[in-house]
Amino acid sequence: MVQVQLRVPEESIKDIDKWVKAGRFKSRSDAIKTMISFYEEKERTREFLSMLLKRSEEAKDKKMLIRLDEVK
């Protein structure tokens, strides 16, 4: 792990402290690491969706789509 220093708006720290106090996270550090993980997962999902849409367009261009009502 690498230690970093960052500046965070005071309101965000107040929210994080509330979540820690409520037991949702073990610490501020845990909360921020979790938020980064959620963002990374969101980005992976966005990239996957982009790839699916690209492949769908490629299939459409090559007339490789199968209509579900044609499947028996």
PDB file of N, CA and C in Angstrom:
ATOM      1  N   MET A   1       0.842  -1.192   0.000  1.00  0.00           N
ATOM      2  CA  MET A   1       0.000   0.000   0.000  1.00  0.00           C
ATOM      3  C   MET A   1       0.877   1.241   0.000  1.00  0.00           C
ATOM      4  N   VAL A   2       0.358   2.273  -0.612  1.00  0.00           N
ATOM      5  CA  VAL A   2       1.039   3.556  -0.654  1.00  0.00           C
ATOM      6  C   VAL A   2       0.220   4.545   0.158  1.00  0.00           C
ATOM      7  N   GLN A   3       0.889   5.302   0.975  1.00  0.00           N
ATOM      8  CA  GLN A   3       0.199   6.313   1.771  1.00  0.00           C
ATOM      9  C   GLN A   3       0.160   7.604   0.980  1.00  0.00           C
ATOM     10  N   VAL A   4      -1.011   8.254   0.939  1.00  0.00           N
ATOM     11  CA  VAL A   4      -1.159   9.533   0.242  1.00  0.00           C
ATOM     12  C   VAL A   4      -1.819  10.545   1.174  1.00  0.00           C
ATOM     13  N   GLN A   5      -1.564  11.794   0.878  1.00  0.00           N
ATOM     14  CA  GLN A   5      -2.208  12.877   1.611  1.00  0.00           C
ATOM     15  C   GLN A   5      -3.139  13.564   0.630  1.00  0.00           C
ATOM     16  N   LEU A   6      -4.349  13.883   1.066  1.00  0.00           N
ATOM     17  CA  LEU A   6      -5.257  14.561   0.166  1.00  0.00           C
ATOM     18  C   LEU A   6      -6.082  15.586   0.917  1.00  0.00           C
ATOM     19  N   ARG A   7      -6.585  16.523   0.182  1.00  0.00           N
ATOM     20  CA  ARG A   7      -7.465  17.547   0.747  1.00  0.00           C
ATOM     21  C   ARG A   7      -8.900  17.172   0.363  1.00  0.00           C
ATOM     22  N   VAL A   8      -9.754  17.200   1.370  1.00  0.00           N
ATOM     23  CA  VAL A   8     -11.149  16.800   1.182  1.00  0.00           C
ATOM     24  C   VAL A   8     -12.026  17.904   1.769  1.00  0.00           C
ATOM     25  N   PRO A   9     -13.108  18.247   1.097  1.00  0.00           N
ATOM     26  CA  PRO A   9     -14.000  19.268   1.657  1.00  0.00           C
ATOM     27  C   PRO A   9     -14.469  18.872   3.065  1.00  0.00           C
ATOM     28  N   GLU A  10     -14.583  19.864   3.916  1.00  0.00           N
ATOM     29  CA  GLU A  10     -14.957  19.625   5.312  1.00  0.00           C
ATOM     30  C   GLU A  10     -16.290  18.879   5.431  1.00  0.00           C
ATOM     31  N   GLU A  11     -17.242  19.221   4.583  1.00  0.00           N
ATOM     32  CA  GLU A  11     -18.548  18.536   4.624  1.00  0.00           C
ATOM     33  C   GLU A  11     -18.399  17.050   4.339  1.00  0.00           C
ATOM     34  N   SER A  12     -17.533  16.702   3.403  1.00  0.00           N
ATOM     35  CA  SER A  12     -17.321  15.293   3.089  1.00  0.00           C
ATOM     36  C   SER A  12     -16.727  14.559   4.284  1.00  0.00           C
ATOM     37  N   ILE A  13     -15.783  15.193   4.978  1.00  0.00           N
ATOM     38  CA  ILE A  13     -15.188  14.568   6.154  1.00  0.00           C
ATOM     39  C   ILE A  13     -16.234  14.406   7.253  1.00  0.00           C
ATOM     40  N   LYS A  14     -17.116  15.392   7.392  1.00  0.00           N
ATOM     41  CA  LYS A  14     -18.196  15.269   8.399  1.00  0.00           C
ATOM     42  C   LYS A  14     -19.072  14.068   8.069  1.00  0.00           C
ATOM     43  N   ASP A  15     -19.403  13.892   6.791  1.00  0.00           N
ATOM     44  CA  ASP A  15     -20.219  12.744   6.378  1.00  0.00           C
ATOM     45  C   ASP A  15     -19.483  11.436   6.673  1.00  0.00           C
ATOM     46  N   ILE A  16     -18.207  11.386   6.289  1.00  0.00           N
ATOM     47  CA  ILE A  16     -17.420  10.173   6.525  1.00  0.00           C
ATOM     48  C   ILE A  16     -17.351   9.866   8.016  1.00  0.00           C
ATOM     49  N   ASP A  17     -17.126  10.888   8.825  1.00  0.00           N
ATOM     50  CA  ASP A  17     -17.067  10.679  10.280  1.00  0.00           C
ATOM     51  C   ASP A  17     -18.395  10.155  10.828  1.00  0.00           C
ATOM     52  N   LYS A  18     -19.510  10.647  10.280  1.00  0.00           N
ATOM     53  CA  LYS A  18     -20.830  10.127  10.702  1.00  0.00           C
ATOM     54  C   LYS A  18     -20.959   8.654  10.358  1.00  0.00           C
ATOM     55  N   TRP A  19     -20.513   8.277   9.166  1.00  0.00           N
ATOM     56  CA  TRP A  19     -20.603   6.885   8.733  1.00  0.00           C
ATOM     57  C   TRP A  19     -19.716   5.983   9.585  1.00  0.00           C
ATOM     58  N   VAL A  20     -18.537   6.488   9.946  1.00  0.00           N
ATOM     59  CA  VAL A  20     -17.639   5.715  10.810  1.00  0.00           C
ATOM     60  C   VAL A  20     -18.276   5.545  12.182  1.00  0.00           C
ATOM     61  N   LYS A  21     -18.807   6.633  12.726  1.00  0.00           N
ATOM     62  CA  LYS A  21     -19.447   6.579  14.041  1.00  0.00           C
ATOM     63  C   LYS A  21     -20.641   5.624  14.034  1.00  0.00           C
ATOM     64  N   ALA A  22     -21.368   5.578  12.911  1.00  0.00           N
ATOM     65  CA  ALA A  22     -22.537   4.699  12.793  1.00  0.00           C
ATOM     66  C   ALA A  22     -22.127   3.243  12.537  1.00  0.00           C
ATOM     67  N   GLY A  23     -20.840   3.004  12.344  1.00  0.00           N
ATOM     68  CA  GLY A  23     -20.365   1.643  12.148  1.00  0.00           C
ATOM     69  C   GLY A  23     -20.362   1.157  10.710  1.00  0.00           C
ATOM     70  N   ARG A  24     -20.637   2.049   9.775  1.00  0.00           N
ATOM     71  CA  ARG A  24     -20.641   1.644   8.364  1.00  0.00           C
ATOM     72  C   ARG A  24     -19.230   1.384   7.848  1.00  0.00           C
ATOM     73  N   PHE A  25     -18.248   2.063   8.445  1.00  0.00           N
ATOM     74  CA  PHE A  25     -16.845   1.880   8.095  1.00  0.00           C
ATOM     75  C   PHE A  25     -16.037   1.811   9.380  1.00  0.00           C
ATOM     76  N   LYS A  26     -14.856   1.190   9.299  1.00  0.00           N
ATOM     77  CA  LYS A  26     -13.982   1.078  10.466  1.00  0.00           C
ATOM     78  C   LYS A  26     -13.253   2.385  10.750  1.00  0.00           C
ATOM     79  N   SER A  27     -12.973   3.154   9.680  1.00  0.00           N
ATOM     80  CA  SER A  27     -12.180   4.373   9.814  1.00  0.00           C
ATOM     81  C   SER A  27     -12.402   5.248   8.586  1.00  0.00           C
ATOM     82  N   ARG A  28     -11.861   6.470   8.643  1.00  0.00           N
ATOM     83  CA  ARG A  28     -11.903   7.343   7.465  1.00  0.00           C
ATOM     84  C   ARG A  28     -11.193   6.667   6.297  1.00  0.00           C
ATOM     85  N   SER A  29     -10.051   6.081   6.601  1.00  0.00           N
ATOM     86  CA  SER A  29      -9.268   5.411   5.566  1.00  0.00           C
ATOM     87  C   SER A  29     -10.072   4.298   4.905  1.00  0.00           C
ATOM     88  N   ASP A  30     -10.742   3.504   5.723  1.00  0.00           N
ATOM     89  CA  ASP A  30     -11.575   2.411   5.202  1.00  0.00           C
ATOM     90  C   ASP A  30     -12.683   2.965   4.303  1.00  0.00           C
ATOM     91  N   ALA A  31     -13.298   4.059   4.721  1.00  0.00           N
ATOM     92  CA  ALA A  31     -14.372   4.666   3.931  1.00  0.00           C
ATOM     93  C   ALA A  31     -13.852   5.133   2.575  1.00  0.00           C
ATOM     94  N   ILE A  32     -12.719   5.807   2.580  1.00  0.00           N
ATOM     95  CA  ILE A  32     -12.173   6.338   1.332  1.00  0.00           C
ATOM     96  C   ILE A  32     -11.721   5.205   0.417  1.00  0.00           C
ATOM     97  N   LYS A  33     -11.100   4.160   0.975  1.00  0.00           N
ATOM     98  CA  LYS A  33     -10.703   3.008   0.150  1.00  0.00           C
ATOM     99  C   LYS A  33     -11.928   2.346  -0.469  1.00  0.00           C
ATOM    100  N   THR A  34     -13.014   2.239   0.296  1.00  0.00           N
ATOM    101  CA  THR A  34     -14.246   1.646  -0.223  1.00  0.00           C
ATOM    102  C   THR A  34     -14.815   2.494  -1.355  1.00  0.00           C
ATOM    103  N   MET A  35     -14.810   3.803  -1.180  1.00  0.00           N
ATOM    104  CA  MET A  35     -15.318   4.695  -2.229  1.00  0.00           C
ATOM    105  C   MET A  35     -14.487   4.565  -3.508  1.00  0.00           C
ATOM    106  N   ILE A  36     -13.177   4.451  -3.362  1.00  0.00           N
ATOM    107  CA  ILE A  36     -12.318   4.270  -4.529  1.00  0.00           C
ATOM    108  C   ILE A  36     -12.642   2.945  -5.212  1.00  0.00           C
ATOM    109  N   SER A  37     -12.856   1.888  -4.423  1.00  0.00           N
ATOM    110  CA  SER A  37     -13.212   0.581  -4.991  1.00  0.00           C
ATOM    111  C   SER A  37     -14.519   0.649  -5.767  1.00  0.00           C
ATOM    112  N   PHE A  38     -15.518   1.358  -5.211  1.00  0.00           N
ATOM    113  CA  PHE A  38     -16.796   1.515  -5.908  1.00  0.00           C
ATOM    114  C   PHE A  38     -16.590   2.252  -7.232  1.00  0.00           C
ATOM    115  N   TYR A  39     -15.766   3.291  -7.231  1.00  0.00           N
ATOM    116  CA  TYR A  39     -15.504   4.034  -8.456  1.00  0.00           C
ATOM    117  C   TYR A  39     -14.809   3.154  -9.487  1.00  0.00           C
ATOM    118  N   GLU A  40     -13.822   2.370  -9.036  1.00  0.00           N
ATOM    119  CA  GLU A  40     -13.118   1.477  -9.954  1.00  0.00           C
ATOM    120  C   GLU A  40     -14.078   0.459 -10.566  1.00  0.00           C
ATOM    121  N   GLU A  41     -14.984  -0.075  -9.767  1.00  0.00           N
ATOM    122  CA  GLU A  41     -15.972  -1.038 -10.273  1.00  0.00           C
ATOM    123  C   GLU A  41     -16.903  -0.361 -11.279  1.00  0.00           C
ATOM    124  N   LYS A  42     -17.298   0.869 -10.988  1.00  0.00           N
ATOM    125  CA  LYS A  42     -18.146   1.628 -11.913  1.00  0.00           C
ATOM    126  C   LYS A  42     -17.434   1.804 -13.251  1.00  0.00           C
ATOM    127  N   GLU A  43     -16.149   2.123 -13.214  1.00  0.00           N
ATOM    128  CA  GLU A  43     -15.385   2.299 -14.440  1.00  0.00           C
ATOM    129  C   GLU A  43     -15.259   0.992 -15.219  1.00  0.00           C
ATOM    130  N   ARG A  44     -15.024  -0.117 -14.521  1.00  0.00           N
ATOM    131  CA  ARG A  44     -14.947  -1.421 -15.205  1.00  0.00           C
ATOM    132  C   ARG A  44     -16.290  -1.747 -15.858  1.00  0.00           C
ATOM    133  N   THR A  45     -17.383  -1.457 -15.167  1.00  0.00           N
ATOM    134  CA  THR A  45     -18.719  -1.704 -15.715  1.00  0.00           C
ATOM    135  C   THR A  45     -18.957  -0.827 -16.939  1.00  0.00           C
ATOM    136  N   ARG A  46     -18.554   0.449 -16.872  1.00  0.00           N
ATOM    137  CA  ARG A  46     -18.714   1.363 -17.994  1.00  0.00           C
ATOM    138  C   ARG A  46     -17.910   0.874 -19.203  1.00  0.00           C
ATOM    139  N   GLU A  47     -16.686   0.433 -18.962  1.00  0.00           N
ATOM    140  CA  GLU A  47     -15.853  -0.079 -20.054  1.00  0.00           C
ATOM    141  C   GLU A  47     -16.458  -1.341 -20.663  1.00  0.00           C
ATOM    142  N   PHE A  48     -17.004  -2.223 -19.826  1.00  0.00           N
ATOM    143  CA  PHE A  48     -17.630  -3.449 -20.314  1.00  0.00           C
ATOM    144  C   PHE A  48     -18.854  -3.118 -21.159  1.00  0.00           C
ATOM    145  N   LEU A  49     -19.679  -2.196 -20.689  1.00  0.00           N
ATOM    146  CA  LEU A  49     -20.863  -1.788 -21.447  1.00  0.00           C
ATOM    147  C   LEU A  49     -20.457  -1.182 -22.777  1.00  0.00           C
ATOM    148  N   SER A  50     -19.416  -0.368 -22.765  1.00  0.00           N
ATOM    149  CA  SER A  50     -18.928   0.232 -24.006  1.00  0.00           C
ATOM    150  C   SER A  50     -18.492  -0.843 -24.992  1.00  0.00           C
ATOM    151  N   MET A  51     -17.796  -1.861 -24.504  1.00  0.00           N
ATOM    152  CA  MET A  51     -17.360  -2.962 -25.360  1.00  0.00           C
ATOM    153  C   MET A  51     -18.566  -3.717 -25.921  1.00  0.00           C
ATOM    154  N   LEU A  52     -19.564  -3.971 -25.075  1.00  0.00           N
ATOM    155  CA  LEU A  52     -20.766  -4.672 -25.545  1.00  0.00           C
ATOM    156  C   LEU A  52     -21.495  -3.872 -26.623  1.00  0.00           C
ATOM    157  N   LEU A  53     -21.618  -2.573 -26.411  1.00  0.00           N
ATOM    158  CA  LEU A  53     -22.290  -1.733 -27.406  1.00  0.00           C
ATOM    159  C   LEU A  53     -21.524  -1.716 -28.721  1.00  0.00           C
ATOM    160  N   LYS A  54     -20.188  -1.663 -28.638  1.00  0.00           N
ATOM    161  CA  LYS A  54     -19.363  -1.686 -29.847  1.00  0.00           C
ATOM    162  C   LYS A  54     -19.558  -3.006 -30.588  1.00  0.00           C
ATOM    163  N   ARG A  55     -19.528  -4.114 -29.856  1.00  0.00           N
ATOM    164  CA  ARG A  55     -19.714  -5.421 -30.503  1.00  0.00           C
ATOM    165  C   ARG A  55     -21.109  -5.566 -31.080  1.00  0.00           C
ATOM    166  N   SER A  56     -22.090  -4.990 -30.401  1.00  0.00           N
ATOM    167  CA  SER A  56     -23.459  -5.040 -30.906  1.00  0.00           C
ATOM    168  C   SER A  56     -23.553  -4.291 -32.236  1.00  0.00           C
ATOM    169  N   GLU A  57     -22.907  -3.121 -32.310  1.00  0.00           N
ATOM    170  CA  GLU A  57     -22.907  -2.357 -33.565  1.00  0.00           C
ATOM    171  C   GLU A  57     -22.182  -3.125 -34.663  1.00  0.00           C
ATOM    172  N   GLU A  58     -21.060  -3.776 -34.310  1.00  0.00           N
ATOM    173  CA  GLU A  58     -20.326  -4.564 -35.298  1.00  0.00           C
ATOM    174  C   GLU A  58     -21.188  -5.718 -35.807  1.00  0.00           C
ATOM    175  N   ALA A  59     -21.913  -6.362 -34.914  1.00  0.00           N
ATOM    176  CA  ALA A  59     -22.778  -7.474 -35.322  1.00  0.00           C
ATOM    177  C   ALA A  59     -23.904  -6.969 -36.211  1.00  0.00           C
ATOM    178  N   LYS A  60     -24.445  -5.803 -35.853  1.00  0.00           N
ATOM    179  CA  LYS A  60     -25.519  -5.219 -36.651  1.00  0.00           C
ATOM    180  C   LYS A  60     -25.013  -4.904 -38.054  1.00  0.00           C
ATOM    181  N   ASP A  61     -23.803  -4.341 -38.129  1.00  0.00           N
ATOM    182  CA  ASP A  61     -23.213  -4.012 -39.431  1.00  0.00           C
ATOM    183  C   ASP A  61     -22.987  -5.259 -40.270  1.00  0.00           C
ATOM    184  N   LYS A  62     -22.685  -6.370 -39.637  1.00  0.00           N
ATOM    185  CA  LYS A  62     -22.429  -7.621 -40.363  1.00  0.00           C
ATOM    186  C   LYS A  62     -23.681  -8.478 -40.480  1.00  0.00           C
ATOM    187  N   LYS A  63     -24.801  -7.919 -40.046  1.00  0.00           N
ATOM    188  CA  LYS A  63     -26.092  -8.605 -40.081  1.00  0.00           C
ATOM    189  C   LYS A  63     -26.022  -9.947 -39.356  1.00  0.00           C
ATOM    190  N   MET A  64     -25.405  -9.923 -38.178  1.00  0.00           N
ATOM    191  CA  MET A  64     -25.242 -11.141 -37.395  1.00  0.00           C
ATOM    192  C   MET A  64     -26.271 -11.243 -36.273  1.00  0.00           C
ATOM    193  N   LEU A  65     -27.187 -10.310 -36.216  1.00  0.00           N
ATOM    194  CA  LEU A  65     -28.180 -10.329 -35.152  1.00  0.00           C
ATOM    195  C   LEU A  65     -29.263 -11.360 -35.444  1.00  0.00           C
ATOM    196  N   ILE A  66     -29.736 -11.981 -34.417  1.00  0.00           N
ATOM    197  CA  ILE A  66     -30.821 -12.948 -34.529  1.00  0.00           C
ATOM    198  C   ILE A  66     -32.006 -12.390 -33.749  1.00  0.00           C
ATOM    199  N   ARG A  67     -33.126 -12.306 -34.377  1.00  0.00           N
ATOM    200  CA  ARG A  67     -34.306 -11.818 -33.684  1.00  0.00           C
ATOM    201  C   ARG A  67     -34.847 -12.933 -32.793  1.00  0.00           C
ATOM    202  N   LEU A  68     -35.204 -12.566 -31.574  1.00  0.00           N
ATOM    203  CA  LEU A  68     -35.685 -13.559 -30.623  1.00  0.00           C
ATOM    204  C   LEU A  68     -36.994 -14.202 -31.067  1.00  0.00           C
ATOM    205  N   ASP A  69     -37.834 -13.448 -31.778  1.00  0.00           N
ATOM    206  CA  ASP A  69     -39.102 -14.032 -32.212  1.00  0.00           C
ATOM    207  C   ASP A  69     -38.910 -15.003 -33.382  1.00  0.00           C
ATOM    208  N   GLU A  70     -37.692 -15.050 -33.958  1.00  0.00           N
ATOM    209  CA  GLU A  70     -37.399 -15.991 -35.032  1.00  0.00           C
ATOM    210  C   GLU A  70     -36.824 -17.290 -34.509  1.00  0.00           C
ATOM    211  N   VAL A  71     -36.436 -17.315 -33.246  1.00  0.00           N
ATOM    212  CA  VAL A  71     -35.837 -18.518 -32.650  1.00  0.00           C
ATOM    213  C   VAL A  71     -36.955 -19.464 -32.237  1.00  0.00           C
ATOM    214  N   LYS A  72     -36.855 -20.732 -32.674  1.00  0.00           N
ATOM    215  CA  LYS A  72     -37.894 -21.708 -32.349  1.00  0.00           C
ATOM    216  C   LYS A  72     -37.333 -22.849 -31.592  1.00  0.00           C
TER     217      LYS A  72
END
